[in-house]
Amino acid sequence: MITLALDTCLAACSAAVLDGEHVLARRVEPMTRGHQERLAPLVAEVMAEAGLAFDRLDRVGVTVGPGSFTGLRVGLAFAKGLGQALSIPVIGVGVLEALAEPLSTDPATVFAVLEAKRGQVYLQAFQGGAALMAPDALAVETAAARLIELAGPGPAVVIGTGAAHLVETLPTARIMAADHAEPEAVARLAAAKAPVPPRPLYLRAPDAKLPGGRDLPTAP
């Protein structure tokens, strides 16, 4: 199966093409803005590097959040358009599971944690690649209690931009800095999932407001 994977949710614009487990091409470009302008050219470059025409793709994987509201919509809209044009499935992948995926064979309990601001973090825990909880937006204190509850006496890894908030919670845990998901991890997860239409993963309402103080819509 040939899978194109995209990630625009966090601090990078990235894409990768995998044929099964084999990485044919990948690009990761750090950025906090400009995903919309860079994504299409980046994908074209990755496909050219892989030596493939777009009609060779079997599916597209795309991160659906949590993360930047603008960024995740950019990636999701592009992936849906490409999938529709090629008549192939588009598979949504959570950013937290993509962060944890490279550690799926690690015996430790893996906590993917992203900075959510306003005293919160986005958190999801995994063991052996299986999720121990659904992704959630939690107060830092609540997240710390969840770490203690799920880690138990065994080894633990905390990965992501929110890890600094929880360093003291598990002093023996390995701390791994990561401000984006690896696109090859997104591809592997997308290749293994059932072809269900993707939806954005919003764990809380956006900070921005419409005129009159109305909330922005949370569905594309």
N, C-alpha and C. Protein backbone atom coordinates (compact mmCIF):
# COMPACT_ATOMS: atom_id res chain seq x y z
N MET A 1 0.85 -1.20 0.00
CA MET A 1 0.00 0.00 0.00
C MET A 1 0.87 1.24 0.00
N ILE A 2 0.61 2.17 -0.91
CA ILE A 2 1.36 3.42 -0.99
C ILE A 2 0.52 4.52 -0.34
N THR A 3 1.09 5.12 0.69
CA THR A 3 0.37 6.11 1.49
C THR A 3 1.11 7.43 1.50
N LEU A 4 0.38 8.50 1.23
CA LEU A 4 0.89 9.86 1.39
C LEU A 4 0.37 10.37 2.73
N ALA A 5 1.26 10.91 3.56
CA ALA A 5 0.86 11.42 4.87
C ALA A 5 1.19 12.90 4.96
N LEU A 6 0.31 13.65 5.63
CA LEU A 6 0.46 15.09 5.79
C LEU A 6 0.29 15.48 7.25
N ASP A 7 1.05 16.48 7.68
CA ASP A 7 0.84 17.04 9.02
C ASP A 7 1.04 18.54 8.97
N THR A 8 0.02 19.29 9.35
CA THR A 8 0.10 20.75 9.43
C THR A 8 -0.46 21.26 10.76
N CYS A 9 -0.60 20.39 11.74
CA CYS A 9 -1.29 20.75 12.97
C CYS A 9 -0.44 21.52 13.97
N LEU A 10 0.89 21.31 13.93
CA LEU A 10 1.74 21.88 14.98
C LEU A 10 2.77 22.82 14.36
N ALA A 11 4.03 22.68 14.76
CA ALA A 11 5.05 23.65 14.37
C ALA A 11 5.87 23.21 13.17
N ALA A 12 5.24 22.51 12.23
CA ALA A 12 5.93 22.09 11.00
C ALA A 12 4.90 21.83 9.92
N CYS A 13 5.36 21.92 8.70
CA CYS A 13 4.59 21.46 7.55
C CYS A 13 5.35 20.26 7.02
N SER A 14 4.73 19.09 7.00
CA SER A 14 5.47 17.90 6.66
C SER A 14 4.65 16.95 5.80
N ALA A 15 5.36 16.11 5.06
CA ALA A 15 4.73 15.10 4.22
C ALA A 15 5.70 13.95 4.03
N ALA A 16 5.14 12.77 3.83
CA ALA A 16 5.96 11.59 3.56
C ALA A 16 5.17 10.64 2.67
N VAL A 17 5.89 9.87 1.89
CA VAL A 17 5.29 8.82 1.08
C VAL A 17 5.92 7.50 1.49
N LEU A 18 5.07 6.53 1.86
CA LEU A 18 5.53 5.21 2.25
C LEU A 18 4.92 4.15 1.36
N ASP A 19 5.72 3.19 1.01
CA ASP A 19 5.26 1.98 0.34
C ASP A 19 5.37 0.86 1.36
N GLY A 20 4.26 0.53 2.00
CA GLY A 20 4.32 -0.38 3.14
C GLY A 20 5.09 0.29 4.26
N GLU A 21 6.17 -0.34 4.72
CA GLU A 21 7.00 0.23 5.77
C GLU A 21 8.16 1.04 5.20
N HIS A 22 8.35 0.98 3.88
CA HIS A 22 9.50 1.63 3.26
C HIS A 22 9.21 3.10 2.99
N VAL A 23 10.06 3.98 3.53
CA VAL A 23 9.90 5.42 3.31
C VAL A 23 10.52 5.79 1.97
N LEU A 24 9.67 6.23 1.04
CA LEU A 24 10.15 6.62 -0.28
C LEU A 24 10.65 8.06 -0.30
N ALA A 25 10.03 8.92 0.48
CA ALA A 25 10.43 10.33 0.56
C ALA A 25 9.76 10.96 1.76
N ARG A 26 10.41 11.97 2.33
CA ARG A 26 9.83 12.70 3.45
C ARG A 26 10.40 14.11 3.49
N ARG A 27 9.61 15.04 3.95
CA ARG A 27 10.07 16.41 4.18
C ARG A 27 9.41 16.91 5.45
N VAL A 28 10.20 17.59 6.28
CA VAL A 28 9.67 18.25 7.47
C VAL A 28 10.26 19.65 7.49
N GLU A 29 9.41 20.66 7.40
CA GLU A 29 9.86 22.05 7.41
C GLU A 29 9.25 22.77 8.60
N PRO A 30 10.09 23.16 9.58
CA PRO A 30 9.56 23.87 10.75
C PRO A 30 8.89 25.18 10.36
N MET A 31 7.71 25.41 10.89
CA MET A 31 7.00 26.67 10.71
C MET A 31 5.79 26.70 11.63
N THR A 32 5.46 27.88 12.08
CA THR A 32 4.23 28.05 12.88
C THR A 32 3.14 28.73 12.07
N ARG A 33 3.52 29.35 10.94
CA ARG A 33 2.56 29.96 10.03
C ARG A 33 2.99 29.66 8.60
N GLY A 34 2.04 29.81 7.67
CA GLY A 34 2.38 29.62 6.27
C GLY A 34 2.14 28.23 5.75
N HIS A 35 1.49 27.37 6.53
CA HIS A 35 1.22 26.00 6.08
C HIS A 35 0.40 25.98 4.79
N GLN A 36 -0.57 26.89 4.71
CA GLN A 36 -1.46 26.88 3.55
C GLN A 36 -0.70 27.13 2.25
N GLU A 37 0.26 28.07 2.31
CA GLU A 37 1.01 28.39 1.11
C GLU A 37 2.04 27.31 0.78
N ARG A 38 2.56 26.64 1.76
CA ARG A 38 3.67 25.70 1.54
C ARG A 38 3.23 24.27 1.28
N LEU A 39 2.05 23.88 1.73
CA LEU A 39 1.68 22.47 1.71
C LEU A 39 1.64 21.87 0.30
N ALA A 40 0.95 22.48 -0.64
CA ALA A 40 0.83 21.91 -1.98
C ALA A 40 2.18 21.76 -2.66
N PRO A 41 3.04 22.80 -2.68
CA PRO A 41 4.36 22.61 -3.27
C PRO A 41 5.20 21.53 -2.56
N LEU A 42 5.07 21.47 -1.23
CA LEU A 42 5.82 20.46 -0.48
C LEU A 42 5.39 19.05 -0.88
N VAL A 43 4.09 18.84 -1.01
CA VAL A 43 3.59 17.52 -1.41
C VAL A 43 4.08 17.17 -2.82
N ALA A 44 4.05 18.15 -3.73
CA ALA A 44 4.54 17.90 -5.09
C ALA A 44 6.01 17.50 -5.07
N GLU A 45 6.80 18.17 -4.23
CA GLU A 45 8.23 17.85 -4.13
C GLU A 45 8.45 16.45 -3.57
N VAL A 46 7.67 16.08 -2.57
CA VAL A 46 7.80 14.75 -1.97
C VAL A 46 7.43 13.66 -2.97
N MET A 47 6.34 13.88 -3.71
CA MET A 47 5.94 12.90 -4.73
C MET A 47 7.00 12.78 -5.82
N ALA A 48 7.59 13.90 -6.22
CA ALA A 48 8.64 13.85 -7.24
C ALA A 48 9.87 13.10 -6.72
N GLU A 49 10.22 13.36 -5.47
CA GLU A 49 11.36 12.66 -4.87
C GLU A 49 11.10 11.16 -4.78
N ALA A 50 9.86 10.80 -4.51
CA ALA A 50 9.50 9.38 -4.44
C ALA A 50 9.43 8.74 -5.83
N GLY A 51 9.39 9.57 -6.86
CA GLY A 51 9.32 9.06 -8.22
C GLY A 51 7.97 8.47 -8.58
N LEU A 52 6.92 9.05 -8.01
CA LEU A 52 5.58 8.50 -8.21
C LEU A 52 4.64 9.56 -8.77
N ALA A 53 3.75 9.15 -9.64
CA ALA A 53 2.62 9.98 -10.03
C ALA A 53 1.55 9.87 -8.96
N PHE A 54 0.70 10.88 -8.84
CA PHE A 54 -0.32 10.87 -7.80
C PHE A 54 -1.28 9.70 -7.94
N ASP A 55 -1.50 9.21 -9.16
CA ASP A 55 -2.45 8.10 -9.33
C ASP A 55 -1.91 6.78 -8.82
N ARG A 56 -0.66 6.77 -8.32
CA ARG A 56 -0.12 5.56 -7.69
C ARG A 56 -0.50 5.45 -6.21
N LEU A 57 -1.03 6.53 -5.66
CA LEU A 57 -1.37 6.52 -4.24
C LEU A 57 -2.59 5.64 -3.97
N ASP A 58 -2.55 4.93 -2.82
CA ASP A 58 -3.69 4.12 -2.39
C ASP A 58 -4.53 4.82 -1.34
N ARG A 59 -3.92 5.68 -0.53
CA ARG A 59 -4.67 6.44 0.46
C ARG A 59 -3.84 7.62 0.94
N VAL A 60 -4.54 8.56 1.56
CA VAL A 60 -3.90 9.74 2.13
C VAL A 60 -4.17 9.75 3.63
N GLY A 61 -3.14 9.95 4.42
CA GLY A 61 -3.30 10.12 5.86
C GLY A 61 -3.04 11.56 6.24
N VAL A 62 -3.81 12.10 7.18
CA VAL A 62 -3.66 13.49 7.58
C VAL A 62 -3.94 13.63 9.06
N THR A 63 -3.14 14.44 9.74
CA THR A 63 -3.39 14.69 11.14
C THR A 63 -4.62 15.60 11.30
N VAL A 64 -5.43 15.30 12.30
CA VAL A 64 -6.71 16.00 12.48
C VAL A 64 -6.79 16.74 13.81
N GLY A 65 -5.68 16.83 14.53
CA GLY A 65 -5.67 17.55 15.80
C GLY A 65 -5.42 16.60 16.97
N PRO A 66 -5.33 17.16 18.18
CA PRO A 66 -5.45 18.60 18.47
C PRO A 66 -4.24 19.38 17.99
N GLY A 67 -4.43 20.68 17.85
CA GLY A 67 -3.37 21.55 17.38
C GLY A 67 -3.94 22.86 16.93
N SER A 68 -3.21 23.53 16.07
CA SER A 68 -3.66 24.80 15.52
C SER A 68 -4.97 24.62 14.76
N PHE A 69 -5.98 25.42 15.08
CA PHE A 69 -7.26 25.31 14.37
C PHE A 69 -7.07 25.59 12.88
N THR A 70 -6.29 26.61 12.56
CA THR A 70 -6.05 26.93 11.15
C THR A 70 -5.23 25.83 10.49
N GLY A 71 -4.17 25.39 11.17
CA GLY A 71 -3.30 24.38 10.58
C GLY A 71 -4.01 23.09 10.28
N LEU A 72 -4.80 22.58 11.22
CA LEU A 72 -5.45 21.30 10.99
C LEU A 72 -6.48 21.40 9.87
N ARG A 73 -7.14 22.55 9.73
CA ARG A 73 -8.10 22.73 8.64
C ARG A 73 -7.40 22.78 7.29
N VAL A 74 -6.21 23.39 7.24
CA VAL A 74 -5.44 23.44 6.00
C VAL A 74 -5.11 22.02 5.53
N GLY A 75 -4.56 21.21 6.43
CA GLY A 75 -4.19 19.86 6.05
C GLY A 75 -5.39 19.01 5.70
N LEU A 76 -6.45 19.14 6.47
CA LEU A 76 -7.64 18.31 6.25
C LEU A 76 -8.31 18.67 4.92
N ALA A 77 -8.42 19.96 4.63
CA ALA A 77 -9.04 20.38 3.38
C ALA A 77 -8.22 19.90 2.18
N PHE A 78 -6.91 20.03 2.26
CA PHE A 78 -6.05 19.59 1.16
C PHE A 78 -6.17 18.08 0.96
N ALA A 79 -6.11 17.33 2.06
CA ALA A 79 -6.19 15.87 1.96
C ALA A 79 -7.53 15.42 1.38
N LYS A 80 -8.62 16.05 1.83
CA LYS A 80 -9.94 15.68 1.31
C LYS A 80 -10.04 15.98 -0.18
N GLY A 81 -9.52 17.12 -0.59
CA GLY A 81 -9.56 17.46 -2.01
C GLY A 81 -8.76 16.49 -2.85
N LEU A 82 -7.59 16.11 -2.34
CA LEU A 82 -6.76 15.16 -3.07
C LEU A 82 -7.42 13.78 -3.13
N GLY A 83 -7.98 13.36 -2.01
CA GLY A 83 -8.66 12.06 -1.98
C GLY A 83 -9.83 12.01 -2.93
N GLN A 84 -10.59 13.11 -2.98
CA GLN A 84 -11.74 13.15 -3.89
C GLN A 84 -11.29 13.13 -5.35
N ALA A 85 -10.23 13.87 -5.66
CA ALA A 85 -9.73 13.91 -7.03
C ALA A 85 -9.20 12.55 -7.49
N LEU A 86 -8.60 11.80 -6.57
CA LEU A 86 -8.00 10.51 -6.91
C LEU A 86 -8.92 9.33 -6.61
N SER A 87 -10.07 9.59 -5.97
CA SER A 87 -11.01 8.53 -5.57
C SER A 87 -10.33 7.49 -4.67
N ILE A 88 -9.59 7.99 -3.67
CA ILE A 88 -8.93 7.11 -2.70
C ILE A 88 -9.33 7.55 -1.29
N PRO A 89 -9.23 6.65 -0.31
CA PRO A 89 -9.62 7.01 1.06
C PRO A 89 -8.68 8.04 1.68
N VAL A 90 -9.26 8.89 2.50
CA VAL A 90 -8.50 9.83 3.32
C VAL A 90 -8.71 9.43 4.78
N ILE A 91 -7.61 9.23 5.49
CA ILE A 91 -7.67 8.68 6.84
C ILE A 91 -7.17 9.72 7.83
N GLY A 92 -7.98 10.03 8.84
CA GLY A 92 -7.58 10.97 9.88
C GLY A 92 -6.76 10.29 10.97
N VAL A 93 -5.71 10.96 11.40
CA VAL A 93 -4.82 10.44 12.45
C VAL A 93 -4.66 11.51 13.52
N GLY A 94 -4.88 11.14 14.76
CA GLY A 94 -4.69 12.08 15.86
C GLY A 94 -3.22 12.43 16.03
N VAL A 95 -2.95 13.69 16.33
CA VAL A 95 -1.57 14.13 16.53
C VAL A 95 -0.92 13.41 17.70
N LEU A 96 -1.68 13.21 18.78
CA LEU A 96 -1.10 12.57 19.96
C LEU A 96 -0.70 11.13 19.68
N GLU A 97 -1.53 10.39 18.93
CA GLU A 97 -1.15 9.02 18.60
C GLU A 97 0.02 9.00 17.63
N ALA A 98 0.12 10.00 16.76
CA ALA A 98 1.26 10.07 15.85
C ALA A 98 2.55 10.38 16.60
N LEU A 99 2.48 11.23 17.62
CA LEU A 99 3.65 11.50 18.45
C LEU A 99 4.15 10.24 19.14
N ALA A 100 3.21 9.42 19.60
CA ALA A 100 3.56 8.22 20.36
C ALA A 100 3.95 7.04 19.47
N GLU A 101 3.55 7.05 18.20
CA GLU A 101 3.73 5.88 17.34
C GLU A 101 5.17 5.37 17.24
N PRO A 102 6.18 6.24 17.11
CA PRO A 102 7.54 5.72 17.04
C PRO A 102 7.98 4.96 18.28
N LEU A 103 7.25 5.12 19.38
CA LEU A 103 7.58 4.44 20.64
C LEU A 103 6.66 3.25 20.90
N SER A 104 5.97 2.78 19.87
CA SER A 104 4.97 1.72 20.06
C SER A 104 5.57 0.40 20.52
N THR A 105 6.84 0.17 20.25
CA THR A 105 7.49 -1.07 20.71
C THR A 105 8.23 -0.88 22.03
N ASP A 106 8.20 0.31 22.57
CA ASP A 106 8.87 0.59 23.84
C ASP A 106 8.04 -0.01 24.97
N PRO A 107 8.68 -0.67 25.93
CA PRO A 107 7.90 -1.26 27.04
C PRO A 107 7.33 -0.23 28.00
N ALA A 108 7.75 1.01 27.90
CA ALA A 108 7.27 2.04 28.82
C ALA A 108 5.85 2.48 28.48
N THR A 109 5.18 3.05 29.46
CA THR A 109 3.94 3.76 29.20
C THR A 109 4.30 5.10 28.58
N VAL A 110 3.70 5.41 27.44
CA VAL A 110 4.04 6.62 26.69
C VAL A 110 2.93 7.65 26.85
N PHE A 111 3.29 8.83 27.30
CA PHE A 111 2.34 9.93 27.45
C PHE A 111 2.67 11.00 26.40
N ALA A 112 1.77 11.19 25.46
CA ALA A 112 1.90 12.27 24.48
C ALA A 112 1.19 13.49 25.05
N VAL A 113 1.93 14.58 25.19
CA VAL A 113 1.41 15.77 25.87
C VAL A 113 1.72 17.01 25.03
N LEU A 114 0.71 17.80 24.74
CA LEU A 114 0.89 19.04 23.99
C LEU A 114 0.45 20.24 24.82
N GLU A 115 1.20 21.31 24.71
CA GLU A 115 0.82 22.57 25.34
C GLU A 115 -0.51 23.05 24.78
N ALA A 116 -1.46 23.32 25.64
CA ALA A 116 -2.77 23.81 25.21
C ALA A 116 -3.05 25.22 25.71
N LYS A 117 -2.13 25.79 26.50
CA LYS A 117 -2.25 27.13 27.07
C LYS A 117 -3.44 27.18 28.05
N ARG A 118 -3.64 28.33 28.63
CA ARG A 118 -4.71 28.54 29.63
C ARG A 118 -4.63 27.51 30.75
N GLY A 119 -3.40 27.10 31.13
CA GLY A 119 -3.22 26.17 32.22
C GLY A 119 -3.62 24.74 31.90
N GLN A 120 -3.70 24.40 30.61
CA GLN A 120 -4.12 23.07 30.19
C GLN A 120 -3.07 22.42 29.28
N VAL A 121 -3.19 21.10 29.18
CA VAL A 121 -2.43 20.34 28.19
C VAL A 121 -3.38 19.37 27.50
N TYR A 122 -3.01 18.97 26.29
CA TYR A 122 -3.70 17.87 25.62
C TYR A 122 -2.92 16.60 25.95
N LEU A 123 -3.62 15.57 26.35
CA LEU A 123 -2.95 14.36 26.85
C LEU A 123 -3.59 13.10 26.30
N GLN A 124 -2.75 12.13 25.93
CA GLN A 124 -3.20 10.78 25.65
C GLN A 124 -2.09 9.81 26.04
N ALA A 125 -2.47 8.68 26.62
CA ALA A 125 -1.50 7.69 27.09
C ALA A 125 -1.60 6.42 26.26
N PHE A 126 -0.44 5.76 26.10
CA PHE A 126 -0.36 4.55 25.27
C PHE A 126 0.56 3.53 25.94
N GLN A 127 0.30 2.27 25.65
CA GLN A 127 1.19 1.20 26.09
C GLN A 127 1.22 0.14 24.99
N GLY A 128 2.40 -0.16 24.51
CA GLY A 128 2.52 -1.12 23.43
C GLY A 128 1.78 -0.71 22.17
N GLY A 129 1.64 0.59 21.96
CA GLY A 129 0.94 1.10 20.80
C GLY A 129 -0.57 1.21 20.96
N ALA A 130 -1.11 0.70 22.05
CA ALA A 130 -2.56 0.76 22.30
C ALA A 130 -2.89 1.94 23.21
N ALA A 131 -3.95 2.64 22.90
CA ALA A 131 -4.35 3.79 23.70
C ALA A 131 -4.93 3.34 25.04
N LEU A 132 -4.51 4.00 26.11
CA LEU A 132 -5.04 3.73 27.45
C LEU A 132 -6.15 4.69 27.82
N MET A 133 -6.31 5.74 27.03
CA MET A 133 -7.34 6.74 27.28
C MET A 133 -7.60 7.49 25.98
N ALA A 134 -8.75 8.10 25.92
CA ALA A 134 -9.05 8.95 24.77
C ALA A 134 -8.28 10.26 24.91
N PRO A 135 -7.96 10.93 23.82
CA PRO A 135 -7.30 12.23 23.93
C PRO A 135 -8.19 13.21 24.68
N ASP A 136 -7.56 14.05 25.51
CA ASP A 136 -8.36 14.93 26.36
C ASP A 136 -7.61 16.23 26.60
N ALA A 137 -8.34 17.30 26.86
CA ALA A 137 -7.79 18.58 27.30
C ALA A 137 -7.98 18.65 28.81
N LEU A 138 -6.89 18.75 29.54
CA LEU A 138 -6.95 18.67 30.99
C LEU A 138 -6.15 19.80 31.63
N ALA A 139 -6.61 20.24 32.79
CA ALA A 139 -5.79 21.12 33.60
C ALA A 139 -4.49 20.41 33.93
N VAL A 140 -3.40 21.16 34.05
CA VAL A 140 -2.09 20.54 34.29
C VAL A 140 -2.14 19.65 35.53
N GLU A 141 -2.81 20.10 36.57
CA GLU A 141 -2.88 19.31 37.81
C GLU A 141 -3.63 17.99 37.58
N THR A 142 -4.68 18.03 36.80
CA THR A 142 -5.43 16.81 36.49
C THR A 142 -4.60 15.88 35.63
N ALA A 143 -3.87 16.45 34.67
CA ALA A 143 -3.01 15.64 33.82
C ALA A 143 -1.93 14.95 34.64
N ALA A 144 -1.38 15.66 35.62
CA ALA A 144 -0.34 15.08 36.47
C ALA A 144 -0.90 13.88 37.25
N ALA A 145 -2.11 14.02 37.76
CA ALA A 145 -2.74 12.90 38.48
C ALA A 145 -2.98 11.73 37.55
N ARG A 146 -3.35 12.01 36.29
CA ARG A 146 -3.58 10.94 35.33
C ARG A 146 -2.28 10.20 35.01
N LEU A 147 -1.18 10.91 34.93
CA LEU A 147 0.11 10.27 34.69
C LEU A 147 0.44 9.29 35.81
N ILE A 148 0.28 9.75 37.05
CA ILE A 148 0.59 8.89 38.19
C ILE A 148 -0.30 7.65 38.19
N GLU A 149 -1.57 7.85 37.88
CA GLU A 149 -2.53 6.75 37.86
C GLU A 149 -2.18 5.70 36.81
N LEU A 150 -1.82 6.15 35.61
CA LEU A 150 -1.62 5.22 34.50
C LEU A 150 -0.20 4.65 34.42
N ALA A 151 0.79 5.39 34.90
CA ALA A 151 2.17 4.93 34.78
C ALA A 151 2.47 3.78 35.72
N GLY A 152 1.89 3.82 36.92
CA GLY A 152 2.20 2.78 37.89
C GLY A 152 3.67 2.76 38.23
N PRO A 153 4.20 1.60 38.62
CA PRO A 153 5.61 1.54 39.02
C PRO A 153 6.57 1.34 37.84
N GLY A 154 6.04 1.15 36.64
CA GLY A 154 6.89 0.85 35.50
C GLY A 154 7.51 2.08 34.87
N PRO A 155 8.32 1.87 33.82
CA PRO A 155 8.97 2.99 33.13
C PRO A 155 7.95 3.83 32.36
N ALA A 156 8.29 5.09 32.13
CA ALA A 156 7.39 5.99 31.43
C ALA A 156 8.18 6.93 30.53
N VAL A 157 7.52 7.35 29.46
CA VAL A 157 8.08 8.35 28.54
C VAL A 157 7.04 9.45 28.40
N VAL A 158 7.48 10.70 28.47
CA VAL A 158 6.60 11.84 28.24
C VAL A 158 7.15 12.58 27.03
N ILE A 159 6.33 12.70 25.98
CA ILE A 159 6.78 13.30 24.73
C ILE A 159 5.84 14.41 24.30
N GLY A 160 6.41 15.52 23.81
CA GLY A 160 5.57 16.60 23.28
C GLY A 160 5.87 17.94 23.91
N THR A 161 5.22 18.97 23.38
CA THR A 161 5.48 20.33 23.81
C THR A 161 4.98 20.64 25.21
N GLY A 162 4.12 19.80 25.75
CA GLY A 162 3.62 20.01 27.10
C GLY A 162 4.37 19.24 28.17
N ALA A 163 5.43 18.54 27.77
CA ALA A 163 6.15 17.68 28.71
C ALA A 163 6.74 18.46 29.87
N ALA A 164 7.17 19.70 29.62
CA ALA A 164 7.81 20.48 30.69
C ALA A 164 6.89 20.69 31.89
N HIS A 165 5.58 20.72 31.65
CA HIS A 165 4.63 20.90 32.74
C HIS A 165 4.60 19.71 33.69
N LEU A 166 5.07 18.56 33.20
CA LEU A 166 4.88 17.32 33.96
C LEU A 166 6.20 16.66 34.34
N VAL A 167 7.31 17.37 34.18
CA VAL A 167 8.63 16.81 34.48
C VAL A 167 8.71 16.33 35.93
N GLU A 168 8.17 17.11 36.85
CA GLU A 168 8.30 16.78 38.27
C GLU A 168 7.30 15.70 38.71
N THR A 169 6.31 15.43 37.87
CA THR A 169 5.30 14.43 38.25
C THR A 169 5.88 13.03 38.27
N LEU A 170 6.66 12.71 37.25
CA LEU A 170 7.32 11.40 37.16
C LEU A 170 8.82 11.65 36.99
N PRO A 171 9.54 11.84 38.10
CA PRO A 171 10.96 12.23 38.00
C PRO A 171 11.83 11.23 37.24
N THR A 172 11.42 9.97 37.18
CA THR A 172 12.24 8.97 36.49
C THR A 172 11.84 8.79 35.03
N ALA A 173 10.82 9.50 34.58
CA ALA A 173 10.37 9.34 33.19
C ALA A 173 11.37 9.94 32.22
N ARG A 174 11.45 9.33 31.04
CA ARG A 174 12.23 9.93 29.95
C ARG A 174 11.41 11.07 29.34
N ILE A 175 12.01 12.20 29.16
CA ILE A 175 11.34 13.36 28.58
C ILE A 175 11.87 13.56 27.17
N MET A 176 10.96 13.64 26.20
CA MET A 176 11.35 13.79 24.80
C MET A 176 10.66 15.02 24.22
N ALA A 177 11.48 15.96 23.75
CA ALA A 177 10.94 17.16 23.13
C ALA A 177 10.47 16.83 21.71
N ALA A 178 9.29 17.29 21.36
CA ALA A 178 8.77 17.10 20.00
C ALA A 178 7.70 18.15 19.75
N ASP A 179 7.89 18.95 18.69
CA ASP A 179 6.90 19.98 18.39
C ASP A 179 6.16 19.70 17.09
N HIS A 180 6.27 18.46 16.59
CA HIS A 180 5.50 18.05 15.41
C HIS A 180 5.47 16.53 15.37
N ALA A 181 4.54 16.00 14.63
CA ALA A 181 4.46 14.55 14.42
C ALA A 181 5.31 14.17 13.23
N GLU A 182 5.98 13.04 13.30
CA GLU A 182 6.76 12.57 12.16
C GLU A 182 5.80 12.07 11.08
N PRO A 183 5.95 12.54 9.83
CA PRO A 183 4.98 12.16 8.80
C PRO A 183 4.96 10.67 8.49
N GLU A 184 6.10 10.00 8.65
CA GLU A 184 6.10 8.56 8.41
C GLU A 184 5.27 7.82 9.47
N ALA A 185 5.23 8.36 10.70
CA ALA A 185 4.37 7.79 11.73
C ALA A 185 2.91 7.97 11.35
N VAL A 186 2.57 9.13 10.82
CA VAL A 186 1.20 9.38 10.36
C VAL A 186 0.84 8.39 9.26
N ALA A 187 1.77 8.13 8.33
CA ALA A 187 1.52 7.19 7.23
C ALA A 187 1.28 5.78 7.75
N ARG A 188 2.10 5.34 8.68
CA ARG A 188 1.94 3.98 9.20
C ARG A 188 0.59 3.82 9.90
N LEU A 189 0.21 4.80 10.69
CA LEU A 189 -1.09 4.73 11.36
C LEU A 189 -2.24 4.77 10.36
N ALA A 190 -2.13 5.62 9.35
CA ALA A 190 -3.19 5.73 8.35
C ALA A 190 -3.34 4.44 7.56
N ALA A 191 -2.23 3.78 7.29
CA ALA A 191 -2.28 2.53 6.53
C ALA A 191 -2.98 1.42 7.30
N ALA A 192 -2.94 1.51 8.64
CA ALA A 192 -3.50 0.46 9.48
C ALA A 192 -4.96 0.70 9.87
N LYS A 193 -5.48 1.89 9.59
CA LYS A 193 -6.83 2.22 10.04
C LYS A 193 -7.89 1.87 9.00
N ALA A 194 -9.11 1.66 9.47
CA ALA A 194 -10.25 1.48 8.57
C ALA A 194 -10.53 2.80 7.85
N PRO A 195 -10.99 2.73 6.60
CA PRO A 195 -11.22 3.95 5.82
C PRO A 195 -12.49 4.70 6.22
N VAL A 196 -12.43 5.35 7.37
CA VAL A 196 -13.55 6.15 7.86
C VAL A 196 -13.28 7.62 7.52
N PRO A 197 -14.27 8.36 6.99
CA PRO A 197 -14.04 9.76 6.65
C PRO A 197 -13.50 10.54 7.84
N PRO A 198 -12.46 11.34 7.63
CA PRO A 198 -11.83 12.04 8.76
C PRO A 198 -12.63 13.23 9.24
N ARG A 199 -12.52 13.52 10.52
CA ARG A 199 -13.14 14.70 11.11
C ARG A 199 -12.11 15.38 12.00
N PRO A 200 -12.15 16.71 12.09
CA PRO A 200 -11.21 17.41 12.96
C PRO A 200 -11.43 17.02 14.42
N LEU A 201 -10.34 16.89 15.16
CA LEU A 201 -10.40 16.53 16.58
C LEU A 201 -10.24 17.80 17.40
N TYR A 202 -11.36 18.38 17.79
CA TYR A 202 -11.35 19.57 18.63
C TYR A 202 -11.61 19.15 20.08
N LEU A 203 -10.67 19.45 20.94
CA LEU A 203 -10.84 19.09 22.35
C LEU A 203 -11.35 20.25 23.19
N ARG A 204 -11.42 21.44 22.58
CA ARG A 204 -12.04 22.58 23.25
C ARG A 204 -12.36 23.62 22.18
N ALA A 205 -13.18 24.60 22.54
CA ALA A 205 -13.56 25.63 21.60
C ALA A 205 -12.38 26.54 21.29
N PRO A 206 -12.34 27.13 20.09
CA PRO A 206 -11.24 28.05 19.74
C PRO A 206 -11.28 29.31 20.59
N ASP A 207 -10.10 29.94 20.75
CA ASP A 207 -10.03 31.18 21.52
C ASP A 207 -10.65 32.34 20.75
N ALA A 208 -10.55 32.32 19.41
CA ALA A 208 -11.08 33.42 18.60
C ALA A 208 -12.60 33.44 18.65
N LYS A 209 -13.17 34.63 18.50
CA LYS A 209 -14.61 34.81 18.53
C LYS A 209 -15.08 35.54 17.27
N LEU A 210 -16.33 35.28 16.91
CA LEU A 210 -16.98 36.03 15.85
C LEU A 210 -17.48 37.36 16.41
N PRO A 211 -17.81 38.32 15.54
CA PRO A 211 -18.37 39.58 16.04
C PRO A 211 -19.57 39.34 16.96
N GLY A 212 -19.62 40.09 18.05
CA GLY A 212 -20.69 39.89 19.02
C GLY A 212 -20.38 38.86 20.07
N GLY A 213 -19.12 38.31 20.01
CA GLY A 213 -18.71 37.33 21.01
C GLY A 213 -19.17 35.92 20.75
N ARG A 214 -19.72 35.67 19.54
CA ARG A 214 -20.17 34.32 19.23
C ARG A 214 -18.99 33.40 18.97
N ASP A 215 -19.13 32.12 19.34
CA ASP A 215 -18.06 31.15 19.11
C ASP A 215 -17.95 30.83 17.63
N LEU A 216 -16.72 30.53 17.20
CA LEU A 216 -16.52 30.03 15.85
C LEU A 216 -17.13 28.65 15.72
N PRO A 217 -17.58 28.24 14.53
CA PRO A 217 -18.09 26.89 14.34
C PRO A 217 -16.98 25.87 14.51
N THR A 218 -17.30 24.70 15.06
CA THR A 218 -16.28 23.68 15.30
C THR A 218 -16.38 22.52 14.34
N ALA A 219 -17.09 22.67 13.26
CA ALA A 219 -17.15 21.64 12.23
C ALA A 219 -16.81 22.28 10.90
N PRO A 220 -16.05 21.54 10.00
CA PRO A 220 -15.66 22.13 8.75
C PRO A 220 -16.86 22.34 7.85
